[in-house]
C-alpha atoms as a PDB file:
ATOM      1  CA  MET A   1      79.546 106.324 118.525  1.00  0.00           C
ATOM      2  CA  THR A   2      76.096 104.193 118.891  1.00  0.00           C
ATOM      3  CA  GLY A   3      73.390 105.322 121.235  1.00  0.00           C
ATOM      4  CA  THR A   4      74.053 102.517 123.331  1.00  0.00           C
ATOM      5  CA  GLU A   5      78.046 103.340 123.461  1.00  0.00           C
ATOM      6  CA  THR A   6      77.246 106.707 124.435  1.00  0.00           C
ATOM      7  CA  LEU A   7      74.829 105.798 127.458  1.00  0.00           C
ATOM      8  CA  LEU A   8      77.496 103.492 128.471  1.00  0.00           C
ATOM      9  CA  VAL A   9      79.965 106.248 128.609  1.00  0.00           C
ATOM     10  CA  ILE A  10      77.655 108.401 130.194  1.00  0.00           C
ATOM     11  CA  VAL A  11      76.898 105.571 132.942  1.00  0.00           C
ATOM     12  CA  ALA A  12      80.556 104.931 133.467  1.00  0.00           C
ATOM     13  CA  VAL A  13      81.527 108.749 134.093  1.00  0.00           C
ATOM     14  CA  ILE A  14      78.485 109.038 136.752  1.00  0.00           C
ATOM     15  CA  ALA A  15      79.974 105.748 138.286  1.00  0.00           C
ATOM     16  CA  LEU A  16      83.412 107.317 138.075  1.00  0.00           C
ATOM     17  CA  VAL A  17      81.995 110.493 140.139  1.00  0.00           C
ATOM     18  CA  VAL A  18      80.127 108.804 142.380  1.00  0.00           C
ATOM     19  CA  GLY A  19      82.895 106.510 143.352  1.00  0.00           C
ATOM     20  CA  ALA A  20      85.520 108.967 143.619  1.00  0.00           C
ATOM     21  CA  SER A  21      83.138 111.149 145.858  1.00  0.00           C
ATOM     22  CA  ALA A  22      82.515 108.256 147.951  1.00  0.00           C
ATOM     23  CA  LEU A  23      86.002 107.597 148.305  1.00  0.00           C
ATOM     24  CA  PHE A  24      86.727 111.067 149.336  1.00  0.00           C
ATOM     25  CA  ALA A  25      84.185 110.992 151.920  1.00  0.00           C
ATOM     26  CA  ALA A  26      85.197 107.970 153.247  1.00  0.00           C
ATOM     27  CA  LEU A  27      89.025 109.298 153.370  1.00  0.00           C
ATOM     28  CA  ARG A  28      87.710 112.509 155.245  1.00  0.00           C
ATOM     29  CA  LYS A  29      85.770 110.430 157.899  1.00  0.00           C
ATOM     30  CA  ARG A  30      88.964 108.921 158.834  1.00  0.00           C
ATOM     31  CA  GLY A  31      90.970 112.148 159.116  1.00  0.00           C
ATOM     32  CA  VAL A  32      92.749 112.036 155.830  1.00  0.00           C
ATOM     33  CA  ASP A  33      92.982 114.735 153.709  1.00  0.00           C
ATOM     34  CA  PRO A  34      92.822 113.984 149.601  1.00  0.00           C
ATOM     35  CA  GLN A  35      93.563 117.302 148.629  1.00  0.00           C
ATOM     36  CA  LYS A  36      96.877 117.215 150.092  1.00  0.00           C
ATOM     37  CA  TYR A  37      97.933 114.144 148.237  1.00  0.00           C
ATOM     38  CA  ILE A  38      95.984 115.542 144.972  1.00  0.00           C
ATOM     39  CA  ASP A  39      98.279 118.599 145.484  1.00  0.00           C
ATOM     40  CA  MET A  40     101.205 116.450 146.090  1.00  0.00           C
ATOM     41  CA  ALA A  41     100.556 114.747 142.673  1.00  0.00           C
ATOM     42  CA  LYS A  42     100.055 117.744 140.928  1.00  0.00           C
ATOM     43  CA  GLU A  43     103.455 119.135 142.106  1.00  0.00           C
ATOM     44  CA  GLY A  44     105.023 116.026 141.035  1.00  0.00           C
ATOM     45  CA  LEU A  45     103.423 116.028 137.514  1.00  0.00           C
ATOM     46  CA  ASP A  46     104.620 119.973 137.362  1.00  0.00           C
ATOM     47  CA  THR A  47     108.047 118.742 137.630  1.00  0.00           C
ATOM     48  CA  VAL A  48     107.650 116.093 135.228  1.00  0.00           C
ATOM     49  CA  SER A  49     106.270 118.494 132.583  1.00  0.00           C
ATOM     50  CA  LEU A  50     108.958 120.927 133.220  1.00  0.00           C
ATOM     51  CA  GLY A  51     111.620 118.209 132.686  1.00  0.00           C
ATOM     52  CA  TYR A  52     109.942 117.207 129.670  1.00  0.00           C
ATOM     53  CA  ASP A  53     110.048 120.782 128.318  1.00  0.00           C
ATOM     54  CA  ILE A  54     113.756 121.032 128.947  1.00  0.00           C
ATOM     55  CA  VAL A  55     114.786 118.008 127.161  1.00  0.00           C
ATOM     56  CA  LYS A  56     112.078 117.885 124.265  1.00  0.00           C
ATOM     57  CA  PRO A  57     114.535 119.875 122.204  1.00  0.00           C
ATOM     58  CA  PHE A  58     116.976 117.128 122.496  1.00  0.00           C
ATOM     59  CA  ILE A  59     114.803 114.320 121.572  1.00  0.00           C
ATOM     60  CA  ALA A  60     114.628 112.874 117.897  1.00  0.00           C
ATOM     61  CA  GLU A  61     111.472 113.752 116.058  1.00  0.00           C
ATOM     62  CA  THR A  62     109.495 110.630 114.885  1.00  0.00           C
ATOM     63  CA  PHE A  63     107.681 110.122 111.978  1.00  0.00           C
ATOM     64  CA  SER A  64     103.752 110.000 112.210  1.00  0.00           C
ATOM     65  CA  THR A  65     101.502 107.569 111.273  1.00  0.00           C
ATOM     66  CA  ASP A  66     100.364 109.696 108.296  1.00  0.00           C
ATOM     67  CA  ASP A  67     103.987 109.239 107.241  1.00  0.00           C
ATOM     68  CA  PHE A  68     104.057 105.554 107.876  1.00  0.00           C
ATOM     69  CA  ASP A  69     101.157 104.898 105.891  1.00  0.00           C
ATOM     70  CA  ARG A  70     102.668 107.161 103.017  1.00  0.00           C
ATOM     71  CA  ILE A  71     105.766 104.897 103.087  1.00  0.00           C
ATOM     72  CA  LEU A  72     103.581 101.713 102.894  1.00  0.00           C
ATOM     73  CA  LYS A  73     101.659 103.169  99.783  1.00  0.00           C
ATOM     74  CA  ILE A  74     104.858 104.150  98.065  1.00  0.00           C
ATOM     75  CA  ALA A  75     106.292 100.907  98.898  1.00  0.00           C
ATOM     76  CA  HIS A  76     103.406  99.215  97.299  1.00  0.00           C
ATOM     77  CA  VAL A  77     103.969 101.183  94.037  1.00  0.00           C
ATOM     78  CA  GLY A  78     107.611 100.830  94.044  1.00  0.00           C
ATOM     79  CA  VAL A  79     107.650  97.066  94.368  1.00  0.00           C
ATOM     80  CA  ALA A  80     104.918  96.582  91.855  1.00  0.00           C
ATOM     81  CA  ASN A  81     106.797  98.980  89.471  1.00  0.00           C
ATOM     82  CA  VAL A  82     109.973  96.913  89.853  1.00  0.00           C
ATOM     83  CA  GLN A  83     108.424  93.678  89.549  1.00  0.00           C
ATOM     84  CA  GLN A  84     107.138  94.619  86.497  1.00  0.00           C
ATOM     85  CA  LEU A  85     110.399  95.887  85.026  1.00  0.00           C
ATOM     86  CA  TYR A  86     111.916  92.575  86.008  1.00  0.00           C
ATOM     87  CA  ASP A  87     109.073  90.485  84.344  1.00  0.00           C
ATOM     88  CA  THR A  88     109.475  92.536  81.119  1.00  0.00           C
ATOM     89  CA  GLY A  89     113.472  91.637  81.145  1.00  0.00           C
ATOM     90  CA  GLN A  90     114.244  95.438  81.744  1.00  0.00           C
ATOM     91  CA  LEU A  91     115.941  94.690  85.376  1.00  0.00           C
ATOM     92  CA  PRO A  92     117.835  91.803  86.577  1.00  0.00           C
ATOM     93  CA  ALA A  93     116.693  89.957  89.773  1.00  0.00           C
ATOM     94  CA  GLU A  94     119.611  91.055  91.912  1.00  0.00           C
ATOM     95  CA  GLY A  95     118.675  94.499  91.093  1.00  0.00           C
ATOM     96  CA  ARG A  96     115.122  94.670  92.305  1.00  0.00           C
ATOM     97  CA  LYS A  97     115.386  95.499  95.839  1.00  0.00           C
ATOM     98  CA  ASP A  98     117.585  98.200  95.321  1.00  0.00           C
ATOM     99  CA  ALA A  99     115.591  99.457  92.499  1.00  0.00           C
ATOM    100  CA  ALA A 100     112.445  99.556  94.811  1.00  0.00           C
ATOM    101  CA  ARG A 101     114.463 101.310  97.629  1.00  0.00           C
ATOM    102  CA  LYS A 102     115.753 103.750  95.444  1.00  0.00           C
ATOM    103  CA  TYR A 103     112.164 104.597  93.988  1.00  0.00           C
ATOM    104  CA  ILE A 104     110.593 104.929  97.543  1.00  0.00           C
ATOM    105  CA  MET A 105     113.397 106.938  98.818  1.00  0.00           C
ATOM    106  CA  ASP A 106     113.380 109.410  95.617  1.00  0.00           C
ATOM    107  CA  SER A 107     109.445 109.549  96.144  1.00  0.00           C
ATOM    108  CA  LEU A 108     109.222 110.251  99.689  1.00  0.00           C
ATOM    109  CA  PRO A 109     110.161 113.767  99.923  1.00  0.00           C
ATOM    110  CA  LEU A 110     108.021 114.668  96.945  1.00  0.00           C
ATOM    111  CA  VAL A 111     104.891 113.990  99.576  1.00  0.00           C
ATOM    112  CA  GLY A 112     106.762 115.468 102.577  1.00  0.00           C
ATOM    113  CA  VAL A 113     108.508 112.643 104.384  1.00  0.00           C
ATOM    114  CA  GLU A 114     112.100 113.315 105.052  1.00  0.00           C
ATOM    115  CA  VAL A 115     114.282 110.141 104.696  1.00  0.00           C
ATOM    116  CA  THR A 116     116.103 109.241 108.238  1.00  0.00           C
ATOM    117  CA  ASP A 117     117.699 106.406 109.355  1.00  0.00           C
ATOM    118  CA  GLU A 118     114.428 105.185 110.898  1.00  0.00           C
ATOM    119  CA  VAL A 119     112.449 105.632 107.909  1.00  0.00           C
ATOM    120  CA  LYS A 120     115.055 103.561 106.006  1.00  0.00           C
ATOM    121  CA  ARG A 121     114.239 100.837 108.231  1.00  0.00           C
ATOM    122  CA  VAL A 122     110.671 101.110 107.490  1.00  0.00           C
ATOM    123  CA  ILE A 123     111.449 101.097 103.885  1.00  0.00           C
ATOM    124  CA  ASP A 124     113.461  97.866 104.217  1.00  0.00           C
ATOM    125  CA  GLY A 125     110.511  96.287 106.022  1.00  0.00           C
ATOM    126  CA  ALA A 126     107.816  97.633 103.706  1.00  0.00           C
ATOM    127  CA  ILE A 127     109.436  96.210 100.500  1.00  0.00           C
ATOM    128  CA  GLU A 128     109.962  92.906 102.190  1.00  0.00           C
ATOM    129  CA  ALA A 129     106.296  92.742 103.083  1.00  0.00           C
ATOM    130  CA  GLU A 130     105.233  94.062  99.828  1.00  0.00           C
ATOM    131  CA  VAL A 131     107.249  91.249  97.784  1.00  0.00           C
ATOM    132  CA  LEU A 132     105.895  88.639 100.472  1.00  0.00           C
ATOM    133  CA  SER A 133     102.209  90.028  99.252  1.00  0.00           C
ATOM    134  CA  LEU A 134     103.285  89.000  95.761  1.00  0.00           C
ATOM    135  CA  GLY A 135     103.106  85.317  96.867  1.00  0.00           C
ATOM    136  CA  HIS A 136     106.283  84.438  94.770  1.00  0.00           C
ATOM    137  CA  LYS A 137     107.973  81.422  96.026  1.00  0.00           C
ATOM    138  CA  LYS A 138     111.317  80.556  95.681  1.00  0.00           C
ATOM    139  CA  ASP A 139     112.090  77.776  93.243  1.00  0.00           C
ATOM    140  CA  LYS A 140     113.125  74.589  94.691  1.00  0.00           C
ATOM    141  CA  ALA A 141     115.994  72.702  93.187  1.00  0.00           C
END
């Protein structure tokens, strides 16, 4: 963060504190106890937190952005590898997508990414995106 950005953040925090203080003072002047509402909100958050802790073990783990980046990088290498095999006549055209998919799925466990149904969908999208980035156009008849 630059000095100007830091200064803006500090000014915003000060303005927020002053605004909240003024709001609480105005509420107290009208006979409203803001602490009562703060306590109610805290109780609600505690209840939600407890509920989340109960269901958390049943929620499927999702992959991280690091895993996503690994998938994209491996897809880039896999598609390039498969295209090279195709260009040199070592792989038929109809086998390219399956070969790229196999390369990626075989490589992911080596970098600590578990291959789940979610990951398979990302793999398919990554392959399509990499093929698109190659810039090949379908020949018109």
